[in-house]
Amino acid sequence: MPLVTILTDVDALVAKKKEVCEGVHNAVKSALGKPDQYITVAFTKSDYITVAGKEASVVVEVDSIGGDFNPLIGEICKVLSELGGVPAEKVVGTFRGVSFKEFAMNAAALADRLGSGPPSPAKDPSGDAIHRYS
């Protein structure tokens, strides 16, 4: 359910994009408590990004059904520092809380897949539990 998009012009991160995505995935799992099957991480190399007028920076955008952004961005900054030497002051981020009707997987909005039944756990069409977050 969380979608994390990383945009950067930091060559060290671009060279380790797989490791960055894995680290961010684990940060989401740990900080937000989201199950693996619902976490998406996208990495995009940008030509040029500045934060506070300085190049070699990172933009982190998160869309999620519930969660607290503060612990997550802290964990993501640790990953970016460890893998690319990016200090936290060169990272900016946004967090957008979305509803079940605004997030889709497997060709349908989650609201349509889950209906309006009781809170958690719900079942998706495959029979797997879907954890609901408010």
Protein backbone atom coordinates (compact mmCIF):
# COMPACT_ATOMS: atom_id res chain seq x y z
CA MET A 1 0.00 0.00 0.00
CA PRO A 2 2.87 2.40 0.43
CA LEU A 3 4.38 3.70 -2.80
CA VAL A 4 7.79 5.30 -2.29
CA THR A 5 9.41 7.21 -5.13
CA ILE A 6 13.08 8.17 -4.86
CA LEU A 7 14.44 10.84 -7.22
CA THR A 8 18.16 11.61 -7.14
CA ASP A 9 21.16 12.87 -9.04
CA VAL A 10 23.64 11.25 -6.63
CA ASP A 11 25.84 8.93 -8.69
CA ALA A 12 26.71 6.70 -5.72
CA LEU A 13 23.00 5.98 -5.17
CA VAL A 14 22.34 5.43 -8.87
CA ALA A 15 25.16 2.87 -8.94
CA LYS A 16 23.47 1.03 -6.02
CA LYS A 17 19.83 1.53 -7.03
CA LYS A 18 18.85 -2.07 -6.24
CA GLU A 19 20.35 -1.85 -2.75
CA VAL A 20 18.71 1.56 -2.22
CA CYS A 21 15.30 0.16 -3.16
CA GLU A 22 15.80 -2.86 -0.91
CA GLY A 23 16.88 -0.62 1.98
CA VAL A 24 13.90 1.70 1.51
CA HIS A 25 11.56 -1.31 1.25
CA ASN A 26 12.90 -2.58 4.60
CA ALA A 27 12.55 0.90 6.11
CA VAL A 28 8.87 0.99 5.09
CA LYS A 29 8.31 -2.50 6.47
CA SER A 30 9.99 -1.61 9.77
CA ALA A 31 8.79 1.97 10.31
CA LEU A 32 5.22 1.59 9.01
CA GLY A 33 4.64 -2.10 9.71
CA LYS A 34 3.46 -2.76 6.16
CA PRO A 35 3.62 -6.29 4.70
CA ASP A 36 6.08 -6.97 1.86
CA GLN A 37 3.47 -7.72 -0.78
CA TYR A 38 2.00 -4.22 -0.55
CA ILE A 39 5.23 -2.16 -0.61
CA THR A 40 6.34 -0.56 -3.88
CA VAL A 41 9.59 1.38 -4.27
CA ALA A 42 10.53 3.23 -7.45
CA PHE A 43 13.95 4.72 -8.14
CA THR A 44 14.44 7.44 -10.74
CA LYS A 45 17.74 8.97 -11.79
CA SER A 46 17.33 12.71 -12.25
CA ASP A 47 19.59 14.95 -14.28
CA TYR A 48 19.80 17.61 -11.61
CA ILE A 49 18.24 18.12 -8.17
CA THR A 50 18.99 20.81 -5.62
CA VAL A 51 18.08 21.07 -1.97
CA ALA A 52 18.87 24.42 -0.36
CA GLY A 53 20.52 25.37 -3.66
CA LYS A 54 22.99 22.46 -3.53
CA GLU A 55 23.15 19.68 -6.09
CA ALA A 56 23.59 15.96 -5.40
CA SER A 57 20.36 15.66 -3.44
CA VAL A 58 17.40 13.32 -2.97
CA VAL A 59 13.63 13.74 -3.12
CA VAL A 60 11.49 11.09 -1.37
CA GLU A 61 7.76 10.94 -2.08
CA VAL A 62 5.53 8.56 -0.12
CA ASP A 63 1.87 7.71 -0.72
CA SER A 64 0.46 5.42 1.96
CA ILE A 65 -2.72 4.29 3.60
CA GLY A 66 -1.88 5.37 7.12
CA GLY A 67 1.46 5.59 8.85
CA ASP A 68 3.73 8.08 10.58
CA PHE A 69 6.18 9.78 8.23
CA ASN A 70 8.69 10.96 10.84
CA PRO A 71 10.17 7.55 11.74
CA LEU A 72 10.05 6.49 8.08
CA ILE A 73 11.98 9.46 6.68
CA GLY A 74 14.56 8.96 9.43
CA GLU A 75 15.05 5.32 8.40
CA ILE A 76 15.23 6.26 4.72
CA CYS A 77 17.85 8.93 5.46
CA LYS A 78 19.96 6.27 7.21
CA VAL A 79 19.81 4.08 4.09
CA LEU A 80 20.76 6.99 1.82
CA SER A 81 23.66 7.92 4.09
CA GLU A 82 24.98 4.37 4.39
CA LEU A 83 24.74 3.55 0.68
CA GLY A 84 25.53 6.89 -0.89
CA GLY A 85 27.02 9.15 1.75
CA VAL A 86 24.05 11.54 1.46
CA PRO A 87 23.61 13.68 4.58
CA ALA A 88 20.07 14.16 5.89
CA GLU A 89 20.15 17.89 5.06
CA LYS A 90 20.29 16.97 1.35
CA VAL A 91 17.08 14.92 1.53
CA VAL A 92 13.56 16.34 1.25
CA GLY A 93 10.40 14.32 1.45
CA THR A 94 6.65 14.42 1.24
CA PHE A 95 4.05 12.08 2.70
CA ARG A 96 0.55 11.86 1.30
CA GLY A 97 -2.04 9.83 3.14
CA VAL A 98 -4.40 8.15 0.71
CA SER A 99 -7.62 6.21 1.19
CA PHE A 100 -8.50 2.74 -0.03
CA LYS A 101 -10.34 4.26 -2.99
CA GLU A 102 -7.18 6.16 -4.03
CA PHE A 103 -4.80 3.18 -4.11
CA ALA A 104 -5.02 0.32 -6.60
CA MET A 105 -3.32 -3.05 -6.98
CA ASN A 106 -4.14 -5.93 -9.30
CA ALA A 107 -6.31 -3.78 -11.60
CA ALA A 108 -8.70 -2.46 -8.95
CA ALA A 109 -8.85 0.17 -6.24
CA LEU A 110 -8.46 -1.42 -2.83
CA ALA A 111 -11.86 -0.05 -1.79
CA ASP A 112 -13.46 -2.07 -4.61
CA ARG A 113 -11.45 -5.17 -3.78
CA LEU A 114 -12.18 -5.00 -0.05
CA GLY A 115 -15.70 -3.65 0.04
CA SER A 116 -16.87 -1.89 3.17
CA GLY A 117 -16.70 -4.78 5.59
CA PRO A 118 -15.17 -4.89 9.06
CA PRO A 119 -11.73 -3.39 9.68
CA SER A 120 -8.91 -5.95 9.56
CA PRO A 121 -7.92 -8.44 8.50
CA ALA A 122 -9.82 -8.55 5.22
CA LYS A 123 -9.18 -11.09 2.48
CA ASP A 124 -8.16 -10.27 -1.04
CA PRO A 125 -9.44 -12.43 -3.93
CA SER A 126 -6.47 -14.82 -3.57
CA GLY A 127 -7.45 -15.51 0.04
CA ASP A 128 -4.43 -13.71 1.50
CA ALA A 129 -5.02 -11.43 4.46
CA ILE A 130 -4.95 -7.70 3.73
CA HIS A 131 -4.04 -5.54 6.68
CA ARG A 132 -6.07 -2.35 6.93
CA TYR A 133 -4.55 0.81 8.27
CA SER A 134 -6.44 3.94 9.15
